[in-house]
Amino acid sequence: MPSRLDDAANAFRQAQAALIDARAQVGEIRDEVERTRADLADAIVEAARAGVRQVEIVKRSGYTRERIRQLCRAAGVEPPGDE
């Protein structure tokens, strides 16, 4: 007959296993964030090259104007103005 000790020990082992699984998932999700961040940066530069207004890039990307400027300048593109 299982005792409270057995139940508690089993629950603890299950929690530890879940933590190990969660850590692996966090690593995978971090990798996905990095990949999608790079894709977003490329799309931002592409939009700027195509003449999309900076205010529109900000609105659609969720990045600040300063971050848009940084990404564009790093790619050798002057971000379009908002005239």
Protein backbone atom coordinates (compact mmCIF):
# COMPACT_ATOMS: atom_id res chain seq x y z
CA MET A 1 0.00 0.00 0.00
CA PRO A 2 1.48 3.34 -1.04
CA SER A 3 2.11 5.72 1.76
CA ARG A 4 2.08 9.49 1.87
CA LEU A 5 5.90 9.31 1.67
CA ASP A 6 5.72 7.27 -1.55
CA ASP A 7 3.18 9.64 -3.05
CA ALA A 8 5.23 12.69 -2.11
CA ALA A 9 8.44 11.15 -3.46
CA ASN A 10 6.76 10.24 -6.76
CA ALA A 11 5.27 13.71 -7.09
CA PHE A 12 8.70 15.23 -6.45
CA ARG A 13 10.33 13.04 -9.13
CA GLN A 14 7.61 13.98 -11.61
CA ALA A 15 8.13 17.66 -10.84
CA GLN A 16 11.89 17.27 -11.37
CA ALA A 17 11.30 15.54 -14.71
CA ALA A 18 8.90 18.30 -15.75
CA LEU A 19 11.54 20.89 -14.87
CA ILE A 20 14.13 19.14 -17.04
CA ASP A 21 11.63 19.06 -19.93
CA ALA A 22 10.77 22.74 -19.40
CA ARG A 23 14.44 23.73 -19.47
CA ALA A 24 14.86 21.94 -22.80
CA GLN A 25 11.81 23.74 -24.17
CA VAL A 26 13.13 27.10 -23.00
CA GLY A 27 16.35 26.49 -24.93
CA GLU A 28 14.39 25.63 -28.07
CA ILE A 29 12.17 28.69 -27.66
CA ARG A 30 15.20 30.95 -27.19
CA ASP A 31 16.63 29.61 -30.45
CA GLU A 32 13.32 30.33 -32.19
CA VAL A 33 13.27 33.87 -30.79
CA GLU A 34 16.77 34.48 -32.16
CA ARG A 35 15.82 33.13 -35.59
CA THR A 36 12.64 35.18 -35.76
CA ARG A 37 14.44 38.30 -34.48
CA ALA A 38 16.92 37.99 -37.35
CA ASP A 39 14.07 37.49 -39.84
CA LEU A 40 12.30 40.57 -38.48
CA ALA A 41 15.47 42.65 -38.80
CA ASP A 42 15.86 41.53 -42.42
CA ALA A 43 12.21 42.34 -43.16
CA ILE A 44 12.59 45.77 -41.58
CA VAL A 45 15.61 46.58 -43.74
CA GLU A 46 13.80 45.26 -46.82
CA ALA A 47 10.78 47.43 -46.05
CA ALA A 48 13.00 50.48 -45.54
CA ARG A 49 14.71 49.84 -48.87
CA ALA A 50 11.28 49.61 -50.49
CA GLY A 51 10.44 53.05 -49.10
CA VAL A 52 7.97 52.04 -46.39
CA ARG A 53 7.60 54.98 -44.00
CA GLN A 54 9.38 54.61 -40.70
CA VAL A 55 6.20 55.23 -38.72
CA GLU A 56 4.60 52.28 -40.54
CA ILE A 57 7.59 50.02 -39.86
CA VAL A 58 7.44 50.98 -36.17
CA LYS A 59 3.72 50.26 -36.00
CA ARG A 60 3.96 46.89 -37.73
CA SER A 61 7.17 45.63 -36.14
CA GLY A 62 6.65 46.77 -32.57
CA TYR A 63 10.17 48.18 -32.47
CA THR A 64 11.00 51.75 -31.55
CA ARG A 65 12.07 54.33 -34.12
CA GLU A 66 15.56 54.24 -32.67
CA ARG A 67 15.79 50.47 -33.07
CA ILE A 68 14.59 50.75 -36.68
CA ARG A 69 17.30 53.36 -37.33
CA GLN A 70 19.94 51.12 -35.73
CA LEU A 71 18.96 48.10 -37.83
CA CYS A 72 18.80 50.08 -41.04
CA ARG A 73 22.09 51.86 -40.51
CA ALA A 74 23.81 48.58 -39.60
CA ALA A 75 22.64 47.29 -42.99
CA GLY A 76 23.88 50.44 -44.74
CA VAL A 77 20.39 51.82 -45.34
CA GLU A 78 19.17 55.21 -44.23
CA PRO A 79 15.67 54.64 -42.85
CA PRO A 80 12.95 56.49 -44.71
CA GLY A 81 11.49 59.56 -43.08
CA ASP A 82 7.91 60.16 -42.14
CA GLU A 83 7.22 63.11 -44.40
